[in-house]
């Protein structure tokens, strides 16, 4: 894969947020910005726009639907899945 360098002028607040997120993720600000651009650009190209509230809403909807289906169809493993999700969240996201 070929890479090209592209620069961007950001407001001080956005730059500060970028640096803070990069530090939290243990990544460079440059890599963090590239990751954010790749995700955001994919959404824009798909006609979705970049609306974090909408994205979180979709994620929550999918989560609720899967949770309901698992609770109805597989009550024996439903609680185990919740515990596993909490364990994975703590392990991978602090």
PDB file of N, CA and C in Angstrom:
ATOM      1  N   UNK A   1       0.846  -1.172   0.000  1.00  0.00           N
ATOM      2  CA  UNK A   1       0.000   0.000   0.000  1.00  0.00           C
ATOM      3  C   UNK A   1       0.888   1.231   0.000  1.00  0.00           C
ATOM      4  N   UNK A   2       0.588   2.167  -0.867  1.00  0.00           N
ATOM      5  CA  UNK A   2       1.335   3.419  -0.916  1.00  0.00           C
ATOM      6  C   UNK A   2       0.690   4.429   0.018  1.00  0.00           C
ATOM      7  N   UNK A   3       1.516   5.223   0.643  1.00  0.00           N
ATOM      8  CA  UNK A   3       1.030   6.268   1.540  1.00  0.00           C
ATOM      9  C   UNK A   3       1.446   7.628   1.019  1.00  0.00           C
ATOM     10  N   UNK A   4       0.623   8.633   1.289  1.00  0.00           N
ATOM     11  CA  UNK A   4       0.936  10.016   0.960  1.00  0.00           C
ATOM     12  C   UNK A   4       0.712  10.845   2.207  1.00  0.00           C
ATOM     13  N   UNK A   5       1.498  11.869   2.342  1.00  0.00           N
ATOM     14  CA  UNK A   5       1.340  12.775   3.471  1.00  0.00           C
ATOM     15  C   UNK A   5       0.401  13.901   3.086  1.00  0.00           C
ATOM     16  N   UNK A   6      -0.584  14.135   3.938  1.00  0.00           N
ATOM     17  CA  UNK A   6      -1.544  15.216   3.744  1.00  0.00           C
ATOM     18  C   UNK A   6      -1.599  15.972   5.064  1.00  0.00           C
ATOM     19  N   UNK A   7      -1.555  17.284   5.002  1.00  0.00           N
ATOM     20  CA  UNK A   7      -1.617  18.063   6.240  1.00  0.00           C
ATOM     21  C   UNK A   7      -2.988  18.709   6.371  1.00  0.00           C
ATOM     22  N   UNK A   8      -3.320  19.060   7.597  1.00  0.00           N
ATOM     23  CA  UNK A   8      -4.612  19.710   7.856  1.00  0.00           C
ATOM     24  C   UNK A   8      -4.433  20.742   8.956  1.00  0.00           C
ATOM     25  N   UNK A   9      -5.133  21.839   8.839  1.00  0.00           N
ATOM     26  CA  UNK A   9      -5.143  22.862   9.882  1.00  0.00           C
ATOM     27  C   UNK A   9      -6.371  22.605  10.752  1.00  0.00           C
ATOM     28  N   UNK A  10      -6.144  22.435  12.046  1.00  0.00           N
ATOM     29  CA  UNK A  10      -7.224  22.155  12.981  1.00  0.00           C
ATOM     30  C   UNK A  10      -7.325  23.276  13.999  1.00  0.00           C
ATOM     31  N   UNK A  11      -8.521  23.476  14.509  1.00  0.00           N
ATOM     32  CA  UNK A  11      -8.653  24.440  15.594  1.00  0.00           C
ATOM     33  C   UNK A  11      -7.884  23.891  16.795  1.00  0.00           C
ATOM     34  N   UNK A  12      -7.522  24.764  17.705  1.00  0.00           N
ATOM     35  CA  UNK A  12      -6.765  24.337  18.885  1.00  0.00           C
ATOM     36  C   UNK A  12      -7.540  23.291  19.683  1.00  0.00           C
ATOM     37  N   UNK A  13      -8.851  23.473  19.790  1.00  0.00           N
ATOM     38  CA  UNK A  13      -9.672  22.520  20.542  1.00  0.00           C
ATOM     39  C   UNK A  13      -9.688  21.139  19.918  1.00  0.00           C
ATOM     40  N   UNK A  14      -9.831  21.093  18.598  1.00  0.00           N
ATOM     41  CA  UNK A  14      -9.837  19.805  17.897  1.00  0.00           C
ATOM     42  C   UNK A  14      -8.465  19.150  18.003  1.00  0.00           C
ATOM     43  N   UNK A  15      -7.410  19.937  17.849  1.00  0.00           N
ATOM     44  CA  UNK A  15      -6.055  19.394  17.981  1.00  0.00           C
ATOM     45  C   UNK A  15      -5.827  18.838  19.383  1.00  0.00           C
ATOM     46  N   UNK A  16      -6.289  19.556  20.399  1.00  0.00           N
ATOM     47  CA  UNK A  16      -6.158  19.076  21.777  1.00  0.00           C
ATOM     48  C   UNK A  16      -6.926  17.779  21.979  1.00  0.00           C
ATOM     49  N   UNK A  17      -8.141  17.711  21.427  1.00  0.00           N
ATOM     50  CA  UNK A  17      -8.931  16.484  21.532  1.00  0.00           C
ATOM     51  C   UNK A  17      -8.231  15.321  20.841  1.00  0.00           C
ATOM     52  N   UNK A  18      -7.674  15.586  19.664  1.00  0.00           N
ATOM     53  CA  UNK A  18      -6.962  14.563  18.912  1.00  0.00           C
ATOM     54  C   UNK A  18      -5.781  14.029  19.713  1.00  0.00           C
ATOM     55  N   UNK A  19      -5.015  14.911  20.292  1.00  0.00           N
ATOM     56  CA  UNK A  19      -3.852  14.505  21.084  1.00  0.00           C
ATOM     57  C   UNK A  19      -4.291  13.708  22.311  1.00  0.00           C
ATOM     58  N   UNK A  20      -5.358  14.143  22.968  1.00  0.00           N
ATOM     59  CA  UNK A  20      -5.860  13.424  24.150  1.00  0.00           C
ATOM     60  C   UNK A  20      -6.330  12.021  23.784  1.00  0.00           C
ATOM     61  N   UNK A  21      -7.058  11.900  22.683  1.00  0.00           N
ATOM     62  CA  UNK A  21      -7.530  10.584  22.244  1.00  0.00           C
ATOM     63  C   UNK A  21      -6.335   9.708  21.863  1.00  0.00           C
ATOM     64  N   UNK A  22      -5.377  10.277  21.175  1.00  0.00           N
ATOM     65  CA  UNK A  22      -4.179   9.523  20.781  1.00  0.00           C
ATOM     66  C   UNK A  22      -3.464   8.983  22.009  1.00  0.00           C
ATOM     67  N   UNK A  23      -3.328   9.806  23.028  1.00  0.00           N
ATOM     68  CA  UNK A  23      -2.660   9.368  24.256  1.00  0.00           C
ATOM     69  C   UNK A  23      -3.449   8.247  24.922  1.00  0.00           C
ATOM     70  N   UNK A  24      -4.763   8.381  24.955  1.00  0.00           N
ATOM     71  CA  UNK A  24      -5.615   7.344  25.545  1.00  0.00           C
ATOM     72  C   UNK A  24      -5.461   6.021  24.801  1.00  0.00           C
ATOM     73  N   UNK A  25      -5.372   6.090  23.484  1.00  0.00           N
ATOM     74  CA  UNK A  25      -5.253   4.884  22.664  1.00  0.00           C
ATOM     75  C   UNK A  25      -3.822   4.367  22.570  1.00  0.00           C
ATOM     76  N   UNK A  26      -2.868   5.175  23.037  1.00  0.00           N
ATOM     77  CA  UNK A  26      -1.473   4.770  22.923  1.00  0.00           C
ATOM     78  C   UNK A  26      -0.971   4.835  21.492  1.00  0.00           C
ATOM     79  N   UNK A  27      -1.519   5.769  20.729  1.00  0.00           N
ATOM     80  CA  UNK A  27      -1.147   5.935  19.326  1.00  0.00           C
ATOM     81  C   UNK A  27      -0.621   7.349  19.122  1.00  0.00           C
ATOM     82  N   UNK A  28       0.047   7.559  18.010  1.00  0.00           N
ATOM     83  CA  UNK A  28       0.489   8.904  17.671  1.00  0.00           C
ATOM     84  C   UNK A  28      -0.721   9.723  17.219  1.00  0.00           C
ATOM     85  N   UNK A  29      -0.648  11.052  17.381  1.00  0.00           N
ATOM     86  CA  UNK A  29      -1.740  11.890  16.861  1.00  0.00           C
ATOM     87  C   UNK A  29      -1.932  11.700  15.351  1.00  0.00           C
ATOM     88  N   UNK A  30      -0.846  11.498  14.634  1.00  0.00           N
ATOM     89  CA  UNK A  30      -0.941  11.301  13.193  1.00  0.00           C
ATOM     90  C   UNK A  30      -1.720  10.035  12.859  1.00  0.00           C
ATOM     91  N   UNK A  31      -1.411   8.944  13.540  1.00  0.00           N
ATOM     92  CA  UNK A  31      -2.103   7.673  13.296  1.00  0.00           C
ATOM     93  C   UNK A  31      -3.569   7.775  13.724  1.00  0.00           C
ATOM     94  N   UNK A  32      -3.810   8.443  14.825  1.00  0.00           N
ATOM     95  CA  UNK A  32      -5.176   8.616  15.310  1.00  0.00           C
ATOM     96  C   UNK A  32      -5.999   9.428  14.312  1.00  0.00           C
ATOM     97  N   UNK A  33      -5.420  10.490  13.789  1.00  0.00           N
ATOM     98  CA  UNK A  33      -6.114  11.306  12.787  1.00  0.00           C
ATOM     99  C   UNK A  33      -6.392  10.487  11.530  1.00  0.00           C
ATOM    100  N   UNK A  34      -5.408   9.702  11.097  1.00  0.00           N
ATOM    101  CA  UNK A  34      -5.598   8.871   9.903  1.00  0.00           C
ATOM    102  C   UNK A  34      -6.736   7.879  10.117  1.00  0.00           C
ATOM    103  N   UNK A  35      -6.779   7.269  11.291  1.00  0.00           N
ATOM    104  CA  UNK A  35      -7.844   6.314  11.598  1.00  0.00           C
ATOM    105  C   UNK A  35      -9.208   6.994  11.580  1.00  0.00           C
ATOM    106  N   UNK A  36      -9.297   8.170  12.197  1.00  0.00           N
ATOM    107  CA  UNK A  36     -10.554   8.916  12.216  1.00  0.00           C
ATOM    108  C   UNK A  36     -10.986   9.308  10.805  1.00  0.00           C
ATOM    109  N   UNK A  37     -10.036   9.705   9.987  1.00  0.00           N
ATOM    110  CA  UNK A  37     -10.353  10.096   8.610  1.00  0.00           C
ATOM    111  C   UNK A  37     -10.844   8.893   7.814  1.00  0.00           C
ATOM    112  N   UNK A  38     -10.181   7.756   7.943  1.00  0.00           N
ATOM    113  CA  UNK A  38     -10.589   6.558   7.208  1.00  0.00           C
ATOM    114  C   UNK A  38     -12.018   6.173   7.576  1.00  0.00           C
ATOM    115  N   UNK A  39     -12.331   6.158   8.872  1.00  0.00           N
ATOM    116  CA  UNK A  39     -13.689   5.819   9.306  1.00  0.00           C
ATOM    117  C   UNK A  39     -14.688   6.864   8.817  1.00  0.00           C
ATOM    118  N   UNK A  40     -14.396   8.121   9.022  1.00  0.00           N
ATOM    119  CA  UNK A  40     -15.310   9.186   8.627  1.00  0.00           C
ATOM    120  C   UNK A  40     -15.491   9.260   7.125  1.00  0.00           C
ATOM    121  N   UNK A  41     -14.418   9.112   6.391  1.00  0.00           N
ATOM    122  CA  UNK A  41     -14.491   9.179   4.938  1.00  0.00           C
ATOM    123  C   UNK A  41     -15.332   8.036   4.372  1.00  0.00           C
ATOM    124  N   UNK A  42     -15.195   6.859   4.960  1.00  0.00           N
ATOM    125  CA  UNK A  42     -16.007   5.722   4.522  1.00  0.00           C
ATOM    126  C   UNK A  42     -17.485   6.010   4.698  1.00  0.00           C
ATOM    127  N   UNK A  43     -17.841   6.629   5.819  1.00  0.00           N
ATOM    128  CA  UNK A  43     -19.248   6.974   6.064  1.00  0.00           C
ATOM    129  C   UNK A  43     -19.743   8.027   5.080  1.00  0.00           C
ATOM    130  N   UNK A  44     -18.926   9.036   4.848  1.00  0.00           N
ATOM    131  CA  UNK A  44     -19.314  10.097   3.912  1.00  0.00           C
ATOM    132  C   UNK A  44     -19.496   9.526   2.504  1.00  0.00           C
ATOM    133  N   UNK A  45     -18.562   8.683   2.084  1.00  0.00           N
ATOM    134  CA  UNK A  45     -18.656   8.069   0.748  1.00  0.00           C
ATOM    135  C   UNK A  45     -19.897   7.203   0.616  1.00  0.00           C
ATOM    136  N   UNK A  46     -20.322   6.590   1.711  1.00  0.00           N
ATOM    137  CA  UNK A  46     -21.518   5.750   1.691  1.00  0.00           C
ATOM    138  C   UNK A  46     -22.802   6.566   1.810  1.00  0.00           C
ATOM    139  N   UNK A  47     -22.653   7.903   1.884  1.00  0.00           N
ATOM    140  CA  UNK A  47     -23.821   8.766   1.976  1.00  0.00           C
ATOM    141  C   UNK A  47     -24.391   8.872   3.378  1.00  0.00           C
ATOM    142  N   UNK A  48     -23.645   8.428   4.376  1.00  0.00           N
ATOM    143  CA  UNK A  48     -24.141   8.437   5.749  1.00  0.00           C
ATOM    144  C   UNK A  48     -23.835   9.722   6.489  1.00  0.00           C
ATOM    145  N   UNK A  49     -22.850  10.456   6.032  1.00  0.00           N
ATOM    146  CA  UNK A  49     -22.430  11.625   6.785  1.00  0.00           C
ATOM    147  C   UNK A  49     -21.694  11.187   8.041  1.00  0.00           C
ATOM    148  N   UNK A  50     -21.206  12.127   8.781  1.00  0.00           N
ATOM    149  CA  UNK A  50     -20.507  11.818  10.021  1.00  0.00           C
ATOM    150  C   UNK A  50     -21.332  12.413  11.153  1.00  0.00           C
ATOM    151  N   UNK A  51     -22.132  11.568  11.754  1.00  0.00           N
ATOM    152  CA  UNK A  51     -23.001  11.994  12.842  1.00  0.00           C
ATOM    153  C   UNK A  51     -22.841  10.974  13.956  1.00  0.00           C
ATOM    154  N   UNK A  52     -22.053  11.323  14.969  1.00  0.00           N
ATOM    155  CA  UNK A  52     -21.742  10.362  16.021  1.00  0.00           C
ATOM    156  C   UNK A  52     -22.997   9.917  16.770  1.00  0.00           C
ATOM    157  N   UNK A  53     -23.960  10.796  16.943  1.00  0.00           N
ATOM    158  CA  UNK A  53     -25.190  10.409  17.629  1.00  0.00           C
ATOM    159  C   UNK A  53     -25.926   9.338  16.829  1.00  0.00           C
ATOM    160  N   UNK A  54     -25.956   9.496  15.519  1.00  0.00           N
ATOM    161  CA  UNK A  54     -26.619   8.508  14.662  1.00  0.00           C
ATOM    162  C   UNK A  54     -25.879   7.180  14.692  1.00  0.00           C
ATOM    163  N   UNK A  55     -24.560   7.232  14.649  1.00  0.00           N
ATOM    164  CA  UNK A  55     -23.767   5.998  14.687  1.00  0.00           C
ATOM    165  C   UNK A  55     -24.002   5.265  16.002  1.00  0.00           C
ATOM    166  N   UNK A  56     -23.934   5.989  17.103  1.00  0.00           N
ATOM    167  CA  UNK A  56     -24.169   5.367  18.412  1.00  0.00           C
ATOM    168  C   UNK A  56     -25.598   4.831  18.482  1.00  0.00           C
ATOM    169  N   UNK A  57     -26.546   5.546  17.914  1.00  0.00           N
ATOM    170  CA  UNK A  57     -27.929   5.068  17.884  1.00  0.00           C
ATOM    171  C   UNK A  57     -28.058   3.742  17.149  1.00  0.00           C
ATOM    172  N   UNK A  58     -27.364   3.622  16.012  1.00  0.00           N
ATOM    173  CA  UNK A  58     -27.377   2.363  15.267  1.00  0.00           C
ATOM    174  C   UNK A  58     -26.765   1.234  16.085  1.00  0.00           C
ATOM    175  N   UNK A  59     -25.652   1.517  16.718  1.00  0.00           N
ATOM    176  CA  UNK A  59     -24.993   0.498  17.538  1.00  0.00           C
ATOM    177  C   UNK A  59     -25.914   0.056  18.668  1.00  0.00           C
ATOM    178  N   UNK A  60     -26.553   1.005  19.334  1.00  0.00           N
ATOM    179  CA  UNK A  60     -27.456   0.670  20.437  1.00  0.00           C
ATOM    180  C   UNK A  60     -28.663  -0.122  19.947  1.00  0.00           C
ATOM    181  N   UNK A  61     -29.181   0.228  18.776  1.00  0.00           N
ATOM    182  CA  UNK A  61     -30.309  -0.506  18.211  1.00  0.00           C
ATOM    183  C   UNK A  61     -29.919  -1.961  17.944  1.00  0.00           C
ATOM    184  N   UNK A  62     -28.774  -2.147  17.313  1.00  0.00           N
ATOM    185  CA  UNK A  62     -28.296  -3.501  17.017  1.00  0.00           C
ATOM    186  C   UNK A  62     -28.072  -4.279  18.309  1.00  0.00           C
ATOM    187  N   UNK A  63     -27.476  -3.628  19.288  1.00  0.00           N
ATOM    188  CA  UNK A  63     -27.245  -4.274  20.576  1.00  0.00           C
ATOM    189  C   UNK A  63     -28.565  -4.689  21.221  1.00  0.00           C
ATOM    190  N   UNK A  64     -29.533  -3.802  21.229  1.00  0.00           N
ATOM    191  CA  UNK A  64     -30.827  -4.101  21.844  1.00  0.00           C
ATOM    192  C   UNK A  64     -31.520  -5.256  21.126  1.00  0.00           C
ATOM    193  N   UNK A  65     -31.473  -5.248  19.793  1.00  0.00           N
ATOM    194  CA  UNK A  65     -32.115  -6.316  19.021  1.00  0.00           C
ATOM    195  C   UNK A  65     -31.456  -7.664  19.298  1.00  0.00           C
ATOM    196  N   UNK A  66     -30.133  -7.692  19.289  1.00  0.00           N
ATOM    197  CA  UNK A  66     -29.440  -8.951  19.570  1.00  0.00           C
ATOM    198  C   UNK A  66     -29.685  -9.424  20.995  1.00  0.00           C
ATOM    199  N   UNK A  67     -29.686  -8.483  21.924  1.00  0.00           N
ATOM    200  CA  UNK A  67     -29.930  -8.832  23.313  1.00  0.00           C
ATOM    201  C   UNK A  67     -31.318  -9.455  23.482  1.00  0.00           C
ATOM    202  N   UNK A  68     -32.314  -8.838  22.859  1.00  0.00           N
ATOM    203  CA  UNK A  68     -33.678  -9.350  22.942  1.00  0.00           C
ATOM    204  C   UNK A  68     -33.784 -10.741  22.323  1.00  0.00           C
ATOM    205  N   UNK A  69     -33.190 -10.919  21.151  1.00  0.00           N
ATOM    206  CA  UNK A  69     -33.224 -12.230  20.494  1.00  0.00           C
ATOM    207  C   UNK A  69     -32.526 -13.306  21.327  1.00  0.00           C
ATOM    208  N   UNK A  70     -31.371 -12.974  21.871  1.00  0.00           N
ATOM    209  CA  UNK A  70     -30.641 -13.947  22.680  1.00  0.00           C
ATOM    210  C   UNK A  70     -31.405 -14.283  23.952  1.00  0.00           C
ATOM    211  N   UNK A  71     -32.018 -13.279  24.557  1.00  0.00           N
ATOM    212  CA  UNK A  71     -32.774 -13.516  25.791  1.00  0.00           C
ATOM    213  C   UNK A  71     -33.977 -14.422  25.521  1.00  0.00           C
ATOM    214  N   UNK A  72     -34.641 -14.222  24.385  1.00  0.00           N
ATOM    215  CA  UNK A  72     -35.813 -15.040  24.041  1.00  0.00           C
ATOM    216  C   UNK A  72     -35.440 -16.438  23.579  1.00  0.00           C
ATOM    217  N   UNK A  73     -34.452 -16.520  22.698  1.00  0.00           N
ATOM    218  CA  UNK A  73     -34.123 -17.793  22.053  1.00  0.00           C
ATOM    219  C   UNK A  73     -33.106 -18.641  22.808  1.00  0.00           C
ATOM    220  N   UNK A  74     -32.255 -17.998  23.587  1.00  0.00           N
ATOM    221  CA  UNK A  74     -31.181 -18.727  24.282  1.00  0.00           C
ATOM    222  C   UNK A  74     -30.997 -18.191  25.697  1.00  0.00           C
ATOM    223  N   UNK A  75     -32.038 -18.278  26.525  1.00  0.00           N
ATOM    224  CA  UNK A  75     -31.926 -17.723  27.875  1.00  0.00           C
ATOM    225  C   UNK A  75     -30.834 -18.394  28.701  1.00  0.00           C
ATOM    226  N   UNK A  76     -30.479 -19.627  28.349  1.00  0.00           N
ATOM    227  CA  UNK A  76     -29.458 -20.351  29.094  1.00  0.00           C
ATOM    228  C   UNK A  76     -28.072 -19.735  28.950  1.00  0.00           C
ATOM    229  N   UNK A  77     -27.799 -19.074  27.835  1.00  0.00           N
ATOM    230  CA  UNK A  77     -26.474 -18.464  27.657  1.00  0.00           C
ATOM    231  C   UNK A  77     -26.504 -16.940  27.688  1.00  0.00           C
ATOM    232  N   UNK A  78     -27.696 -16.366  27.787  1.00  0.00           N
ATOM    233  CA  UNK A  78     -27.826 -14.910  27.744  1.00  0.00           C
ATOM    234  C   UNK A  78     -26.985 -14.234  28.825  1.00  0.00           C
ATOM    235  N   UNK A  79     -27.096 -14.676  30.071  1.00  0.00           N
ATOM    236  CA  UNK A  79     -26.342 -14.059  31.174  1.00  0.00           C
ATOM    237  C   UNK A  79     -24.840 -14.232  30.971  1.00  0.00           C
ATOM    238  N   UNK A  80     -24.445 -15.374  30.426  1.00  0.00           N
ATOM    239  CA  UNK A  80     -23.014 -15.609  30.174  1.00  0.00           C
ATOM    240  C   UNK A  80     -22.480 -14.616  29.140  1.00  0.00           C
ATOM    241  N   UNK A  81     -23.291 -14.284  28.142  1.00  0.00           N
ATOM    242  CA  UNK A  81     -22.864 -13.323  27.124  1.00  0.00           C
ATOM    243  C   UNK A  81     -22.672 -11.936  27.719  1.00  0.00           C
ATOM    244  N   UNK A  82     -23.565 -11.546  28.609  1.00  0.00           N
ATOM    245  CA  UNK A  82     -23.433 -10.244  29.260  1.00  0.00           C
ATOM    246  C   UNK A  82     -22.132 -10.203  30.066  1.00  0.00           C
ATOM    247  N   UNK A  83     -21.868 -11.264  30.836  1.00  0.00           N
ATOM    248  CA  UNK A  83     -20.630 -11.326  31.620  1.00  0.00           C
ATOM    249  C   UNK A  83     -19.405 -11.291  30.714  1.00  0.00           C
ATOM    250  N   UNK A  84     -19.456 -12.034  29.618  1.00  0.00           N
ATOM    251  CA  UNK A  84     -18.335 -12.056  28.672  1.00  0.00           C
ATOM    252  C   UNK A  84     -18.108 -10.675  28.070  1.00  0.00           C
ATOM    253  N   UNK A  85     -19.184  -9.974  27.725  1.00  0.00           N
ATOM    254  CA  UNK A  85     -19.063  -8.633  27.147  1.00  0.00           C
ATOM    255  C   UNK A  85     -18.414  -7.672  28.140  1.00  0.00           C
ATOM    256  N   UNK A  86     -18.824  -7.745  29.404  1.00  0.00           N
ATOM    257  CA  UNK A  86     -18.245  -6.878  30.433  1.00  0.00           C
ATOM    258  C   UNK A  86     -16.765  -7.200  30.616  1.00  0.00           C
ATOM    259  N   UNK A  87     -16.419  -8.487  30.660  1.00  0.00           N
ATOM    260  CA  UNK A  87     -15.015  -8.886  30.781  1.00  0.00           C
ATOM    261  C   UNK A  87     -14.183  -8.363  29.621  1.00  0.00           C
ATOM    262  N   UNK A  88     -14.704  -8.503  28.398  1.00  0.00           N
ATOM    263  CA  UNK A  88     -13.969  -8.040  27.213  1.00  0.00           C
ATOM    264  C   UNK A  88     -13.834  -6.515  27.212  1.00  0.00           C
ATOM    265  N   UNK A  89     -14.889  -5.825  27.627  1.00  0.00           N
ATOM    266  CA  UNK A  89     -14.847  -4.371  27.701  1.00  0.00           C
ATOM    267  C   UNK A  89     -13.751  -3.914  28.657  1.00  0.00           C
ATOM    268  N   UNK A  90     -13.699  -4.530  29.823  1.00  0.00           N
ATOM    269  CA  UNK A  90     -12.682  -4.163  30.797  1.00  0.00           C
ATOM    270  C   UNK A  90     -11.282  -4.505  30.310  1.00  0.00           C
ATOM    271  N   UNK A  91     -11.118  -5.653  29.685  1.00  0.00           N
ATOM    272  CA  UNK A  91      -9.800  -6.087  29.219  1.00  0.00           C
ATOM    273  C   UNK A  91      -9.285  -5.226  28.057  1.00  0.00           C
ATOM    274  N   UNK A  92     -10.159  -4.928  27.115  1.00  0.00           N
ATOM    275  CA  UNK A  92      -9.721  -4.233  25.894  1.00  0.00           C
ATOM    276  C   UNK A  92      -9.867  -2.710  25.943  1.00  0.00           C
ATOM    277  N   UNK A  93     -10.699  -2.211  26.844  1.00  0.00           N
ATOM    278  CA  UNK A  93     -10.973  -0.772  26.841  1.00  0.00           C
ATOM    279  C   UNK A  93     -10.817  -0.131  28.215  1.00  0.00           C
ATOM    280  N   UNK A  94     -10.209  -0.868  29.127  1.00  0.00           N
ATOM    281  CA  UNK A  94      -9.900  -0.322  30.459  1.00  0.00           C
ATOM    282  C   UNK A  94     -11.113  -0.160  31.268  1.00  0.00           C
TER     283      UNK A  94
END
